[in-house]
Amino acid sequence: MIFKSQDNLEAHLPIYYTFPDQSNHVTPEQKIMPVKLTITRTDWEIYQKQFQIVQDELRNGNIYLINLTRGTPIESSSGLMEIYMHSRAKYKVCVPDQFVVFSPETFVRFLNGKAYTYPMKGTIRADLPHAREHLENDAKEKAEHASIVDLLRNDLGQICNQVRVKKFRYFEKVQAGKYELWQVSSEIEGNLPANFHDSLGTMIFQLLPAGSISGVPKQSAVKIINKIEDYPRGFYTGICGYFDGNNLDSAVMIRFIEQTDAGLVYKSGGGIHSMSDLKSEFEELIDKIYVPVD
């Protein structure tokens, strides 16, 4: 099962993390280093075949949206710990010699008796002509985002009362190496039960896997992903989190570089809808291969 945690992450291994309000180490003052990534193979033909299978599943009504990902072989001018130390992201995690993740995407937050989730779906390079206008008005992008918001609103309804969409399709710029990306998110809020601490683990597992990296409906999307993706996701698209006894903050583990026996692999992907264009989706997958440094 691609979303199951691996067993080889032993308890004695160091794990470094930096969240908005928590970190388990002190980052020394240092000059930000440029990180150069070189893609060594893109596997266009394989992606093309996978995309066509997904379109067949969409036409047959088995799914409405799916997150198709790949592992792209890369070379890097910096090691995993250097990437961790110098990257800029909302959530960062590094297991030395295994992987580094620098994620912009919150999975779920529990704060002062409320739960929040921020589905993120829709990305475009900000330097393209009329990029934001295209992202804002494109029918495929709007349908894809609405599907994920509906899915995560229903997910949150499994553990919360009075679930509501607080903000729908707001736009943020994020640094993607030498260029910027526009990303689209929404904010969903719900009221937690008073005794949620007693069943925290159960509640989290009810929400997994994250909708933005699986699809709609989830069960069908996961079966198709397991069938057509030709590499192990491992920890990629899993979640990481911090619970202080009262509040929880957690992230979807995207923007992910893994050390494998064959070298470094950057795992990335995107949502596929019936209106998706093959070339555009492949370009988005490649555009997401970056390290966010200032």
C-alpha atoms as a PDB file:
ATOM      1  CA  MET A   1       0.000   0.000   0.000  1.00  0.00           C
ATOM      2  CA  ILE A   2       1.703   3.184  -1.131  1.00  0.00           C
ATOM      3  CA  PHE A   3       0.385   5.312   1.709  1.00  0.00           C
ATOM      4  CA  LYS A   4       1.629   3.038   4.500  1.00  0.00           C
ATOM      5  CA  SER A   5       4.647   4.230   6.489  1.00  0.00           C
ATOM      6  CA  GLN A   6       7.820   2.270   5.828  1.00  0.00           C
ATOM      7  CA  ASP A   7       9.208   0.006   8.538  1.00  0.00           C
ATOM      8  CA  ASN A   8      12.876   0.857   8.005  1.00  0.00           C
ATOM      9  CA  LEU A   9      12.748   4.296   9.658  1.00  0.00           C
ATOM     10  CA  GLU A  10      14.307   3.148  12.920  1.00  0.00           C
ATOM     11  CA  ALA A  11      13.634   5.004  16.144  1.00  0.00           C
ATOM     12  CA  HIS A  12      17.314   5.829  16.757  1.00  0.00           C
ATOM     13  CA  LEU A  13      17.745   7.680  13.456  1.00  0.00           C
ATOM     14  CA  PRO A  14      17.917  11.483  13.731  1.00  0.00           C
ATOM     15  CA  ILE A  15      14.882  13.288  12.366  1.00  0.00           C
ATOM     16  CA  TYR A  16      15.120  17.051  11.915  1.00  0.00           C
ATOM     17  CA  TYR A  17      11.974  19.124  11.567  1.00  0.00           C
ATOM     18  CA  THR A  18      10.953  22.762  11.339  1.00  0.00           C
ATOM     19  CA  PHE A  19       7.275  23.741  11.523  1.00  0.00           C
ATOM     20  CA  PRO A  20       5.804  27.259  11.787  1.00  0.00           C
ATOM     21  CA  ASP A  21       5.794  27.124  15.605  1.00  0.00           C
ATOM     22  CA  GLN A  22       8.061  24.178  16.399  1.00  0.00           C
ATOM     23  CA  SER A  23      11.573  22.956  15.624  1.00  0.00           C
ATOM     24  CA  ASN A  24      13.798  20.365  17.281  1.00  0.00           C
ATOM     25  CA  HIS A  25      17.066  22.171  16.589  1.00  0.00           C
ATOM     26  CA  VAL A  26      18.582  25.625  16.335  1.00  0.00           C
ATOM     27  CA  THR A  27      19.435  26.717  12.815  1.00  0.00           C
ATOM     28  CA  PRO A  28      22.788  28.547  12.820  1.00  0.00           C
ATOM     29  CA  GLU A  29      23.097  31.872  11.111  1.00  0.00           C
ATOM     30  CA  GLN A  30      24.496  31.162   7.675  1.00  0.00           C
ATOM     31  CA  LYS A  31      24.529  32.484   4.167  1.00  0.00           C
ATOM     32  CA  ILE A  32      21.822  30.990   1.974  1.00  0.00           C
ATOM     33  CA  MET A  33      23.408  28.678  -0.576  1.00  0.00           C
ATOM     34  CA  PRO A  34      22.059  28.246  -4.096  1.00  0.00           C
ATOM     35  CA  VAL A  35      20.919  24.699  -4.736  1.00  0.00           C
ATOM     36  CA  LYS A  36      21.211  23.500  -8.314  1.00  0.00           C
ATOM     37  CA  LEU A  37      19.116  20.510  -9.367  1.00  0.00           C
ATOM     38  CA  THR A  38      19.767  18.753 -12.674  1.00  0.00           C
ATOM     39  CA  ILE A  39      17.125  16.434 -14.110  1.00  0.00           C
ATOM     40  CA  THR A  40      18.808  13.373 -15.596  1.00  0.00           C
ATOM     41  CA  ARG A  41      15.733  11.614 -17.050  1.00  0.00           C
ATOM     42  CA  THR A  42      12.065  12.616 -17.452  1.00  0.00           C
ATOM     43  CA  ASP A  43      10.320   9.411 -18.699  1.00  0.00           C
ATOM     44  CA  TRP A  44       7.889  11.272 -20.955  1.00  0.00           C
ATOM     45  CA  GLU A  45       6.747   8.089 -22.729  1.00  0.00           C
ATOM     46  CA  ILE A  46       5.882   6.344 -19.451  1.00  0.00           C
ATOM     47  CA  TYR A  47       3.968   9.373 -18.176  1.00  0.00           C
ATOM     48  CA  GLN A  48       2.072   9.585 -21.475  1.00  0.00           C
ATOM     49  CA  LYS A  49       0.878   5.966 -21.113  1.00  0.00           C
ATOM     50  CA  GLN A  50      -0.130   6.509 -17.476  1.00  0.00           C
ATOM     51  CA  PHE A  51      -2.016   9.666 -18.387  1.00  0.00           C
ATOM     52  CA  GLN A  52      -4.001   7.816 -21.049  1.00  0.00           C
ATOM     53  CA  ILE A  53      -4.951   5.080 -18.565  1.00  0.00           C
ATOM     54  CA  VAL A  54      -6.142   7.758 -16.152  1.00  0.00           C
ATOM     55  CA  GLN A  55      -8.229   9.370 -18.908  1.00  0.00           C
ATOM     56  CA  ASP A  56      -9.840   5.995 -19.629  1.00  0.00           C
ATOM     57  CA  GLU A  57     -10.732   5.635 -15.952  1.00  0.00           C
ATOM     58  CA  LEU A  58     -12.179   9.148 -15.944  1.00  0.00           C
ATOM     59  CA  ARG A  59     -14.257   8.498 -19.071  1.00  0.00           C
ATOM     60  CA  ASN A  60     -15.580   5.284 -17.516  1.00  0.00           C
ATOM     61  CA  GLY A  61     -16.740   7.214 -14.456  1.00  0.00           C
ATOM     62  CA  ASN A  62     -14.518   5.306 -12.018  1.00  0.00           C
ATOM     63  CA  ILE A  63     -12.932   8.524 -10.738  1.00  0.00           C
ATOM     64  CA  TYR A  64     -13.487  12.260 -11.094  1.00  0.00           C
ATOM     65  CA  LEU A  65      -9.997  13.393 -10.101  1.00  0.00           C
ATOM     66  CA  ILE A  66      -6.706  11.631  -9.401  1.00  0.00           C
ATOM     67  CA  ASN A  67      -3.221  12.672  -8.318  1.00  0.00           C
ATOM     68  CA  LEU A  68      -0.677  11.136 -10.685  1.00  0.00           C
ATOM     69  CA  THR A  69       2.952  11.287  -9.526  1.00  0.00           C
ATOM     70  CA  ARG A  70       6.387  10.191 -10.680  1.00  0.00           C
ATOM     71  CA  GLY A  71       9.899   9.895  -9.314  1.00  0.00           C
ATOM     72  CA  THR A  72      12.318  11.880 -11.484  1.00  0.00           C
ATOM     73  CA  PRO A  73      16.055  11.079 -11.234  1.00  0.00           C
ATOM     74  CA  ILE A  74      18.092  14.184 -10.411  1.00  0.00           C
ATOM     75  CA  GLU A  75      21.565  15.322  -9.439  1.00  0.00           C
ATOM     76  CA  SER A  76      22.038  18.015  -6.793  1.00  0.00           C
ATOM     77  CA  SER A  77      24.817  20.425  -5.945  1.00  0.00           C
ATOM     78  CA  SER A  78      23.941  19.983  -2.252  1.00  0.00           C
ATOM     79  CA  GLY A  79      23.323  17.069   0.105  1.00  0.00           C
ATOM     80  CA  LEU A  80      20.008  16.375   1.823  1.00  0.00           C
ATOM     81  CA  MET A  81      20.949  18.113   5.081  1.00  0.00           C
ATOM     82  CA  GLU A  82      22.265  21.138   3.203  1.00  0.00           C
ATOM     83  CA  ILE A  83      19.002  21.309   1.269  1.00  0.00           C
ATOM     84  CA  TYR A  84      17.072  21.061   4.538  1.00  0.00           C
ATOM     85  CA  MET A  85      19.079  23.835   6.193  1.00  0.00           C
ATOM     86  CA  HIS A  86      18.925  26.276   3.275  1.00  0.00           C
ATOM     87  CA  SER A  87      15.422  25.685   1.879  1.00  0.00           C
ATOM     88  CA  ARG A  88      12.520  27.942   2.836  1.00  0.00           C
ATOM     89  CA  ALA A  89       9.177  26.265   3.432  1.00  0.00           C
ATOM     90  CA  LYS A  90       6.276  26.200   5.873  1.00  0.00           C
ATOM     91  CA  TYR A  91       7.132  22.632   6.882  1.00  0.00           C
ATOM     92  CA  LYS A  92      10.528  20.948   6.604  1.00  0.00           C
ATOM     93  CA  VAL A  93      11.649  17.442   7.574  1.00  0.00           C
ATOM     94  CA  CYS A  94      14.933  15.653   6.972  1.00  0.00           C
ATOM     95  CA  VAL A  95      16.037  12.119   7.747  1.00  0.00           C
ATOM     96  CA  PRO A  96      19.736  12.266   6.791  1.00  0.00           C
ATOM     97  CA  ASP A  97      20.738   9.943   3.966  1.00  0.00           C
ATOM     98  CA  GLN A  98      17.075   9.030   3.377  1.00  0.00           C
ATOM     99  CA  PHE A  99      14.920  12.004   2.393  1.00  0.00           C
ATOM    100  CA  VAL A 100      14.190  15.700   2.758  1.00  0.00           C
ATOM    101  CA  VAL A 101      10.804  17.367   2.377  1.00  0.00           C
ATOM    102  CA  PHE A 102      10.002  21.087   2.169  1.00  0.00           C
ATOM    103  CA  SER A 103       6.235  21.275   2.018  1.00  0.00           C
ATOM    104  CA  PRO A 104       3.940  24.293   1.636  1.00  0.00           C
ATOM    105  CA  GLU A 105       0.773  22.265   2.308  1.00  0.00           C
ATOM    106  CA  THR A 106      -0.964  21.896   5.669  1.00  0.00           C
ATOM    107  CA  PHE A 107      -2.775  18.601   6.175  1.00  0.00           C
ATOM    108  CA  VAL A 108      -4.878  19.501   9.219  1.00  0.00           C
ATOM    109  CA  ARG A 109      -4.528  21.852  12.176  1.00  0.00           C
ATOM    110  CA  PHE A 110      -6.290  21.444  15.517  1.00  0.00           C
ATOM    111  CA  LEU A 111      -6.278  24.801  17.271  1.00  0.00           C
ATOM    112  CA  ASN A 112      -8.355  25.964  20.240  1.00  0.00           C
ATOM    113  CA  GLY A 113     -11.076  23.389  19.711  1.00  0.00           C
ATOM    114  CA  LYS A 114     -11.359  23.858  15.941  1.00  0.00           C
ATOM    115  CA  ALA A 115      -9.981  21.875  13.011  1.00  0.00           C
ATOM    116  CA  TYR A 116      -8.675  23.524   9.859  1.00  0.00           C
ATOM    117  CA  THR A 117      -7.599  22.121   6.526  1.00  0.00           C
ATOM    118  CA  TYR A 118      -6.313  23.970   3.470  1.00  0.00           C
ATOM    119  CA  PRO A 119      -6.739  21.979   0.245  1.00  0.00           C
ATOM    120  CA  MET A 120      -4.140  23.097  -2.283  1.00  0.00           C
ATOM    121  CA  LYS A 121      -4.903  22.401  -5.934  1.00  0.00           C
ATOM    122  CA  GLY A 122      -3.825  24.532  -8.856  1.00  0.00           C
ATOM    123  CA  THR A 123      -0.294  25.638  -9.772  1.00  0.00           C
ATOM    124  CA  ILE A 124       1.213  27.740 -12.547  1.00  0.00           C
ATOM    125  CA  ARG A 125       4.485  29.541 -13.148  1.00  0.00           C
ATOM    126  CA  ALA A 126       3.987  33.178 -12.234  1.00  0.00           C
ATOM    127  CA  ASP A 127       6.218  34.449 -15.047  1.00  0.00           C
ATOM    128  CA  LEU A 128       3.906  33.146 -17.784  1.00  0.00           C
ATOM    129  CA  PRO A 129       1.749  35.783 -19.538  1.00  0.00           C
ATOM    130  CA  HIS A 130      -1.479  36.427 -17.604  1.00  0.00           C
ATOM    131  CA  ALA A 131      -0.645  33.475 -15.344  1.00  0.00           C
ATOM    132  CA  ARG A 132      -2.956  34.327 -12.454  1.00  0.00           C
ATOM    133  CA  GLU A 133      -5.859  35.194 -14.749  1.00  0.00           C
ATOM    134  CA  HIS A 134      -5.458  31.872 -16.529  1.00  0.00           C
ATOM    135  CA  LEU A 135      -5.371  29.939 -13.252  1.00  0.00           C
ATOM    136  CA  GLU A 136      -8.336  31.860 -11.871  1.00  0.00           C
ATOM    137  CA  ASN A 137     -10.584  31.418 -14.924  1.00  0.00           C
ATOM    138  CA  ASP A 138      -9.567  28.045 -16.377  1.00  0.00           C
ATOM    139  CA  ALA A 139     -12.550  25.661 -16.265  1.00  0.00           C
ATOM    140  CA  LYS A 140     -10.397  22.599 -15.602  1.00  0.00           C
ATOM    141  CA  GLU A 141      -8.592  24.266 -12.687  1.00  0.00           C
ATOM    142  CA  LYS A 142     -11.863  25.451 -11.144  1.00  0.00           C
ATOM    143  CA  ALA A 143     -13.480  22.016 -11.439  1.00  0.00           C
ATOM    144  CA  GLU A 144     -10.400  20.282  -9.997  1.00  0.00           C
ATOM    145  CA  HIS A 145     -10.218  22.616  -7.024  1.00  0.00           C
ATOM    146  CA  ALA A 146     -13.958  22.390  -6.322  1.00  0.00           C
ATOM    147  CA  SER A 147     -13.723  18.571  -6.288  1.00  0.00           C
ATOM    148  CA  ILE A 148     -10.956  18.599  -3.674  1.00  0.00           C
ATOM    149  CA  VAL A 149     -12.716  21.183  -1.510  1.00  0.00           C
ATOM    150  CA  ASP A 150     -15.881  19.085  -1.546  1.00  0.00           C
ATOM    151  CA  LEU A 151     -13.886  15.950  -0.658  1.00  0.00           C
ATOM    152  CA  LEU A 152     -12.041  17.554   2.252  1.00  0.00           C
ATOM    153  CA  ARG A 153     -15.168  19.249   3.553  1.00  0.00           C
ATOM    154  CA  ASN A 154     -16.743  15.780   3.733  1.00  0.00           C
ATOM    155  CA  ASP A 155     -13.567  14.364   5.308  1.00  0.00           C
ATOM    156  CA  LEU A 156     -13.579  16.989   8.037  1.00  0.00           C
ATOM    157  CA  GLY A 157     -17.275  16.264   8.599  1.00  0.00           C
ATOM    158  CA  GLN A 158     -16.284  12.773   9.782  1.00  0.00           C
ATOM    159  CA  ILE A 159     -14.582  14.199  12.861  1.00  0.00           C
ATOM    160  CA  CYS A 160     -16.123  17.676  13.295  1.00  0.00           C
ATOM    161  CA  ASN A 161     -19.403  19.504  13.631  1.00  0.00           C
ATOM    162  CA  GLN A 162     -20.480  22.659  11.773  1.00  0.00           C
ATOM    163  CA  VAL A 163     -17.995  22.269   8.922  1.00  0.00           C
ATOM    164  CA  ARG A 164     -17.804  25.286   6.619  1.00  0.00           C
ATOM    165  CA  VAL A 165     -15.646  26.693   3.827  1.00  0.00           C
ATOM    166  CA  LYS A 166     -14.160  29.907   5.234  1.00  0.00           C
ATOM    167  CA  LYS A 167     -12.213  30.926   2.106  1.00  0.00           C
ATOM    168  CA  PHE A 168     -12.603  29.505  -1.382  1.00  0.00           C
ATOM    169  CA  ARG A 169      -9.783  29.613  -3.962  1.00  0.00           C
ATOM    170  CA  TYR A 170      -7.337  32.151  -2.598  1.00  0.00           C
ATOM    171  CA  PHE A 171      -4.057  32.730  -4.436  1.00  0.00           C
ATOM    172  CA  GLU A 172      -0.526  32.738  -3.025  1.00  0.00           C
ATOM    173  CA  LYS A 173       2.903  33.136  -4.601  1.00  0.00           C
ATOM    174  CA  VAL A 174       5.644  30.723  -3.565  1.00  0.00           C
ATOM    175  CA  GLN A 175       9.301  30.737  -4.491  1.00  0.00           C
ATOM    176  CA  ALA A 176      10.286  27.837  -6.747  1.00  0.00           C
ATOM    177  CA  GLY A 177      14.011  28.081  -7.188  1.00  0.00           C
ATOM    178  CA  LYS A 178      14.747  30.823  -9.722  1.00  0.00           C
ATOM    179  CA  TYR A 179      11.085  31.570 -10.418  1.00  0.00           C
ATOM    180  CA  GLU A 180       7.765  31.925  -8.581  1.00  0.00           C
ATOM    181  CA  LEU A 181       4.591  29.844  -8.692  1.00  0.00           C
ATOM    182  CA  TRP A 182       0.992  30.841  -8.178  1.00  0.00           C
ATOM    183  CA  GLN A 183      -0.754  28.283  -5.961  1.00  0.00           C
ATOM    184  CA  VAL A 184      -4.467  28.069  -5.172  1.00  0.00           C
ATOM    185  CA  SER A 185      -5.847  26.999  -1.785  1.00  0.00           C
ATOM    186  CA  SER A 186      -9.059  27.086   0.209  1.00  0.00           C
ATOM    187  CA  GLU A 187      -9.699  27.130   3.963  1.00  0.00           C
ATOM    188  CA  ILE A 188     -12.163  24.748   5.631  1.00  0.00           C
ATOM    189  CA  GLU A 189     -13.057  24.904   9.333  1.00  0.00           C
ATOM    190  CA  GLY A 190     -14.970  22.677  11.739  1.00  0.00           C
ATOM    191  CA  ASN A 191     -15.669  22.360  15.471  1.00  0.00           C
ATOM    192  CA  LEU A 192     -13.866  19.496  17.219  1.00  0.00           C
ATOM    193  CA  PRO A 193     -15.611  17.366  19.858  1.00  0.00           C
ATOM    194  CA  ALA A 194     -14.663  18.294  23.422  1.00  0.00           C
ATOM    195  CA  ASN A 195     -12.902  14.950  24.029  1.00  0.00           C
ATOM    196  CA  PHE A 196     -10.933  14.799  20.751  1.00  0.00           C
ATOM    197  CA  HIS A 197      -7.659  14.209  22.664  1.00  0.00           C
ATOM    198  CA  ASP A 198      -8.909  10.748  23.618  1.00  0.00           C
ATOM    199  CA  SER A 199      -9.172   9.616  19.994  1.00  0.00           C
ATOM    200  CA  LEU A 200      -6.588  11.761  18.216  1.00  0.00           C
ATOM    201  CA  GLY A 201      -4.933   8.895  16.336  1.00  0.00           C
ATOM    202  CA  THR A 202      -8.242   7.433  15.203  1.00  0.00           C
ATOM    203  CA  MET A 203      -9.387  10.821  13.937  1.00  0.00           C
ATOM    204  CA  ILE A 204      -6.205  11.352  11.931  1.00  0.00           C
ATOM    205  CA  PHE A 205      -6.464   7.915  10.308  1.00  0.00           C
ATOM    206  CA  GLN A 206     -10.075   8.693   9.364  1.00  0.00           C
ATOM    207  CA  LEU A 207      -8.753  11.588   7.260  1.00  0.00           C
ATOM    208  CA  LEU A 208      -6.032   9.590   5.468  1.00  0.00           C
ATOM    209  CA  PRO A 209      -4.855   9.518   2.782  1.00  0.00           C
ATOM    210  CA  ALA A 210      -4.854  13.239   2.103  1.00  0.00           C
ATOM    211  CA  GLY A 211      -7.396  14.062  -0.595  1.00  0.00           C
ATOM    212  CA  SER A 212      -5.085  16.377  -2.533  1.00  0.00           C
ATOM    213  CA  ILE A 213      -2.609  13.556  -3.220  1.00  0.00           C
ATOM    214  CA  SER A 214      -5.090  10.742  -3.845  1.00  0.00           C
ATOM    215  CA  GLY A 215      -8.274  11.722  -5.666  1.00  0.00           C
ATOM    216  CA  VAL A 216     -12.069  11.605  -5.807  1.00  0.00           C
ATOM    217  CA  PRO A 217     -13.436   9.196  -4.715  1.00  0.00           C
ATOM    218  CA  LYS A 218     -10.477   8.234  -2.552  1.00  0.00           C
ATOM    219  CA  GLN A 219     -10.858   4.466  -2.519  1.00  0.00           C
ATOM    220  CA  SER A 220     -11.078   4.165  -6.295  1.00  0.00           C
ATOM    221  CA  ALA A 221      -8.264   6.682  -6.801  1.00  0.00           C
ATOM    222  CA  VAL A 222      -5.898   4.779  -4.487  1.00  0.00           C
ATOM    223  CA  LYS A 223      -6.581   1.491  -6.306  1.00  0.00           C
ATOM    224  CA  ILE A 224      -5.794   3.089  -9.654  1.00  0.00           C
ATOM    225  CA  ILE A 225      -2.666   4.788  -8.288  1.00  0.00           C
ATOM    226  CA  ASN A 226      -1.383   1.462  -6.973  1.00  0.00           C
ATOM    227  CA  LYS A 227      -2.040  -0.091 -10.373  1.00  0.00           C
ATOM    228  CA  ILE A 228      -0.410   2.463 -12.668  1.00  0.00           C
ATOM    229  CA  GLU A 229       2.359   4.229 -10.736  1.00  0.00           C
ATOM    230  CA  ASP A 230       5.551   2.275 -11.389  1.00  0.00           C
ATOM    231  CA  TYR A 231       7.582   3.347  -8.349  1.00  0.00           C
ATOM    232  CA  PRO A 232       7.084   3.302  -4.555  1.00  0.00           C
ATOM    233  CA  ARG A 233       5.857   6.561  -3.042  1.00  0.00           C
ATOM    234  CA  GLY A 234       7.193   5.543   0.372  1.00  0.00           C
ATOM    235  CA  PHE A 235       6.930   8.470   2.775  1.00  0.00           C
ATOM    236  CA  TYR A 236       6.172  10.833  -0.100  1.00  0.00           C
ATOM    237  CA  THR A 237       2.548  12.121   0.115  1.00  0.00           C
ATOM    238  CA  GLY A 238       2.283  10.794   3.661  1.00  0.00           C
ATOM    239  CA  ILE A 239       1.901  13.212   6.558  1.00  0.00           C
ATOM    240  CA  CYS A 240       4.083  14.576   9.341  1.00  0.00           C
ATOM    241  CA  GLY A 241       2.822  16.366  12.420  1.00  0.00           C
ATOM    242  CA  TYR A 242       3.462  17.812  15.866  1.00  0.00           C
ATOM    243  CA  PHE A 243       1.060  17.542  18.815  1.00  0.00           C
ATOM    244  CA  ASP A 244       1.821  19.521  21.993  1.00  0.00           C
ATOM    245  CA  GLY A 245      -0.917  17.980  24.142  1.00  0.00           C
ATOM    246  CA  ASN A 246      -3.538  20.536  23.119  1.00  0.00           C
ATOM    247  CA  ASN A 247      -2.995  21.608  19.541  1.00  0.00           C
ATOM    248  CA  LEU A 248      -1.832  19.776  16.415  1.00  0.00           C
ATOM    249  CA  ASP A 249      -0.117  20.982  13.272  1.00  0.00           C
ATOM    250  CA  SER A 250       0.529  18.608  10.374  1.00  0.00           C
ATOM    251  CA  ALA A 251       1.633  18.712   6.753  1.00  0.00           C
ATOM    252  CA  VAL A 252       1.325  16.737   3.542  1.00  0.00           C
ATOM    253  CA  MET A 253       4.783  15.500   2.604  1.00  0.00           C
ATOM    254  CA  ILE A 254       5.150  16.929  -0.890  1.00  0.00           C
ATOM    255  CA  ARG A 255       8.188  18.655  -2.487  1.00  0.00           C
ATOM    256  CA  PHE A 256      10.219  15.564  -1.692  1.00  0.00           C
ATOM    257  CA  ILE A 257      13.767  14.405  -2.507  1.00  0.00           C
ATOM    258  CA  GLU A 258      14.752  10.835  -1.678  1.00  0.00           C
ATOM    259  CA  GLN A 259      18.130   9.146  -1.611  1.00  0.00           C
ATOM    260  CA  THR A 260      17.866   5.757  -3.335  1.00  0.00           C
ATOM    261  CA  ASP A 261      20.436   3.115  -4.256  1.00  0.00           C
ATOM    262  CA  ALA A 262      20.383   4.521  -7.808  1.00  0.00           C
ATOM    263  CA  GLY A 263      20.809   8.145  -6.712  1.00  0.00           C
ATOM    264  CA  LEU A 264      18.556  11.070  -5.861  1.00  0.00           C
ATOM    265  CA  VAL A 265      14.908  11.017  -6.935  1.00  0.00           C
ATOM    266  CA  TYR A 266      12.559  14.014  -6.822  1.00  0.00           C
ATOM    267  CA  LYS A 267       8.944  12.891  -6.370  1.00  0.00           C
ATOM    268  CA  SER A 268       6.295  15.206  -7.791  1.00  0.00           C
ATOM    269  CA  GLY A 269       2.932  15.146  -9.503  1.00  0.00           C
ATOM    270  CA  GLY A 270      -0.422  16.832  -9.968  1.00  0.00           C
ATOM    271  CA  GLY A 271      -4.160  16.382 -10.215  1.00  0.00           C
ATOM    272  CA  ILE A 272      -5.601  14.901 -13.405  1.00  0.00           C
ATOM    273  CA  HIS A 273      -9.153  15.772 -14.462  1.00  0.00           C
ATOM    274  CA  SER A 274     -11.135  14.893 -17.570  1.00  0.00           C
ATOM    275  CA  MET A 275     -10.282  18.348 -18.951  1.00  0.00           C
ATOM    276  CA  SER A 276      -6.549  17.968 -18.271  1.00  0.00           C
ATOM    277  CA  ASP A 277      -4.029  18.439 -21.070  1.00  0.00           C
ATOM    278  CA  LEU A 278      -1.188  15.905 -21.265  1.00  0.00           C
ATOM    279  CA  LYS A 279       1.582  18.374 -22.097  1.00  0.00           C
ATOM    280  CA  SER A 280       0.466  20.919 -19.471  1.00  0.00           C
ATOM    281  CA  GLU A 281       0.250  18.288 -16.726  1.00  0.00           C
ATOM    282  CA  PHE A 282       3.709  16.948 -17.528  1.00  0.00           C
ATOM    283  CA  GLU A 283       5.131  20.478 -17.522  1.00  0.00           C
ATOM    284  CA  GLU A 284       3.548  21.082 -14.101  1.00  0.00           C
ATOM    285  CA  LEU A 285       5.178  17.916 -12.760  1.00  0.00           C
ATOM    286  CA  ILE A 286       8.576  19.152 -14.005  1.00  0.00           C
ATOM    287  CA  ASP A 287       7.982  22.721 -12.760  1.00  0.00           C
ATOM    288  CA  LYS A 288       7.563  21.328  -9.243  1.00  0.00           C
ATOM    289  CA  ILE A 289      11.129  19.983  -9.251  1.00  0.00           C
ATOM    290  CA  TYR A 290      12.835  22.751  -7.315  1.00  0.00           C
ATOM    291  CA  VAL A 291      14.258  23.725  -3.962  1.00  0.00           C
ATOM    292  CA  PRO A 292      12.704  26.899  -2.459  1.00  0.00           C
ATOM    293  CA  VAL A 293      15.614  29.185  -1.581  1.00  0.00           C
ATOM    294  CA  ASP A 294      15.609  32.982  -1.428  1.00  0.00           C
END
